[in-house]
């Protein structure tokens, strides 16, 4: 249970072994946590953490102030939110705050 509430809404994509604990910490710290997952079962780890699920990365990005990605490599970073080089519209809003987390040994 949190005692602090933060006004920032944080979006999180990448609820794997590394991302899930980060997302839990964000939600448990009082931030409004918004998530999207390619696989619905990935959301199970957030059962005890207050969060909002979105049906697409674009919906998620439109609802948050900060977007966190914890994905396997740079290819996933382009493919999940949308790659304008492949005709997809990116989910980014103007002036995004989008930290990138990469697994150790991931390709730059």
Protein backbone atom coordinates (compact mmCIF):
# COMPACT_ATOMS: atom_id res chain seq x y z
CA UNK A 1 0.00 0.00 0.00
CA UNK A 2 1.33 3.43 -0.82
CA UNK A 3 1.19 6.55 1.28
CA UNK A 4 2.58 8.85 -1.43
CA UNK A 5 0.66 9.78 -4.53
CA UNK A 6 2.46 11.33 -7.49
CA UNK A 7 0.68 13.31 -10.20
CA UNK A 8 2.74 11.80 -13.04
CA UNK A 9 1.16 9.00 -15.04
CA UNK A 10 3.78 6.46 -16.08
CA UNK A 11 3.34 4.06 -18.99
CA UNK A 12 5.27 0.80 -19.05
CA UNK A 13 5.84 -1.65 -21.90
CA UNK A 14 7.99 -4.72 -21.27
CA UNK A 15 6.74 -6.74 -18.30
CA UNK A 16 9.33 -9.49 -18.50
CA UNK A 17 11.80 -10.66 -15.86
CA UNK A 18 13.40 -7.23 -15.56
CA UNK A 19 10.50 -4.95 -16.46
CA UNK A 20 7.87 -6.44 -14.16
CA UNK A 21 9.67 -5.53 -10.92
CA UNK A 22 10.31 -2.02 -12.27
CA UNK A 23 6.64 -1.57 -13.15
CA UNK A 24 5.58 -2.90 -9.74
CA UNK A 25 7.91 -0.44 -8.01
CA UNK A 26 6.49 2.45 -10.05
CA UNK A 27 2.90 1.51 -9.20
CA UNK A 28 3.68 0.78 -5.57
CA UNK A 29 5.41 4.17 -5.25
CA UNK A 30 2.17 6.00 -5.90
CA UNK A 31 2.52 6.83 -9.58
CA UNK A 32 -0.42 6.20 -11.86
CA UNK A 33 0.80 3.06 -13.66
CA UNK A 34 -0.47 2.35 -17.18
CA UNK A 35 0.63 -0.80 -19.01
CA UNK A 36 0.37 -2.64 -22.31
CA UNK A 37 1.57 -6.18 -22.95
CA UNK A 38 1.85 -8.27 -26.11
CA UNK A 39 0.89 -11.34 -24.07
CA UNK A 40 -2.02 -10.95 -21.63
CA UNK A 41 -0.45 -13.42 -19.17
CA UNK A 42 2.40 -10.93 -18.66
CA UNK A 43 -0.05 -8.77 -16.73
CA UNK A 44 -0.49 -11.43 -14.03
CA UNK A 45 2.57 -10.14 -12.14
CA UNK A 46 0.73 -6.87 -11.49
CA UNK A 47 -2.25 -8.51 -9.77
CA UNK A 48 -1.49 -6.74 -6.47
CA UNK A 49 -0.34 -3.47 -8.00
CA UNK A 50 -2.80 -0.75 -8.96
CA UNK A 51 -2.61 -0.23 -12.73
CA UNK A 52 -4.57 0.55 -15.90
CA UNK A 53 -4.32 -1.79 -18.90
CA UNK A 54 -4.41 -0.36 -22.44
CA UNK A 55 -5.31 -2.20 -25.61
CA UNK A 56 -2.51 -0.69 -27.72
CA UNK A 57 0.81 1.12 -27.34
CA UNK A 58 -0.79 4.20 -28.92
CA UNK A 59 -3.59 4.25 -26.35
CA UNK A 60 -1.03 3.87 -23.58
CA UNK A 61 1.21 6.66 -24.88
CA UNK A 62 -1.73 9.04 -25.21
CA UNK A 63 -2.64 8.54 -21.54
CA UNK A 64 0.73 9.03 -19.84
CA UNK A 65 3.29 11.69 -19.04
CA UNK A 66 6.30 9.34 -19.05
CA UNK A 67 6.72 6.21 -21.19
CA UNK A 68 9.10 3.48 -20.01
CA UNK A 69 10.23 0.68 -22.32
CA UNK A 70 12.06 -2.38 -21.04
CA UNK A 71 12.41 -4.45 -24.18
CA UNK A 72 14.89 -7.02 -25.42
CA UNK A 73 16.72 -4.98 -28.05
CA UNK A 74 16.50 -1.93 -30.30
CA UNK A 75 14.45 -3.82 -32.88
CA UNK A 76 11.69 -4.32 -30.29
CA UNK A 77 11.94 -0.68 -29.30
CA UNK A 78 11.07 0.29 -32.89
CA UNK A 79 8.53 -2.46 -33.55
CA UNK A 80 6.39 -2.20 -30.42
CA UNK A 81 5.65 1.55 -30.45
CA UNK A 82 5.63 1.80 -34.25
CA UNK A 83 8.36 2.34 -36.82
CA UNK A 84 7.80 5.30 -39.15
CA UNK A 85 10.36 3.78 -41.53
CA UNK A 86 7.93 0.89 -42.07
CA UNK A 87 4.87 3.05 -42.54
CA UNK A 88 3.70 2.79 -38.93
CA UNK A 89 2.79 5.89 -37.05
CA UNK A 90 4.90 6.23 -33.91
CA UNK A 91 3.10 6.44 -30.58
CA UNK A 92 5.31 9.22 -29.32
CA UNK A 93 3.82 12.49 -28.28
CA UNK A 94 5.77 15.75 -28.58
CA UNK A 95 8.66 16.00 -26.10
CA UNK A 96 8.52 12.41 -24.83
CA UNK A 97 10.38 11.33 -21.73
CA UNK A 98 11.20 7.82 -22.83
CA UNK A 99 13.97 6.09 -20.87
CA UNK A 100 15.32 2.99 -22.57
CA UNK A 101 16.26 -0.08 -20.58
CA UNK A 102 18.23 -2.78 -22.35
CA UNK A 103 19.22 -6.22 -21.15
CA UNK A 104 22.94 -6.67 -20.51
CA UNK A 105 24.52 -7.86 -23.73
CA UNK A 106 21.67 -6.44 -25.84
CA UNK A 107 22.71 -5.00 -29.17
CA UNK A 108 22.95 -1.20 -29.35
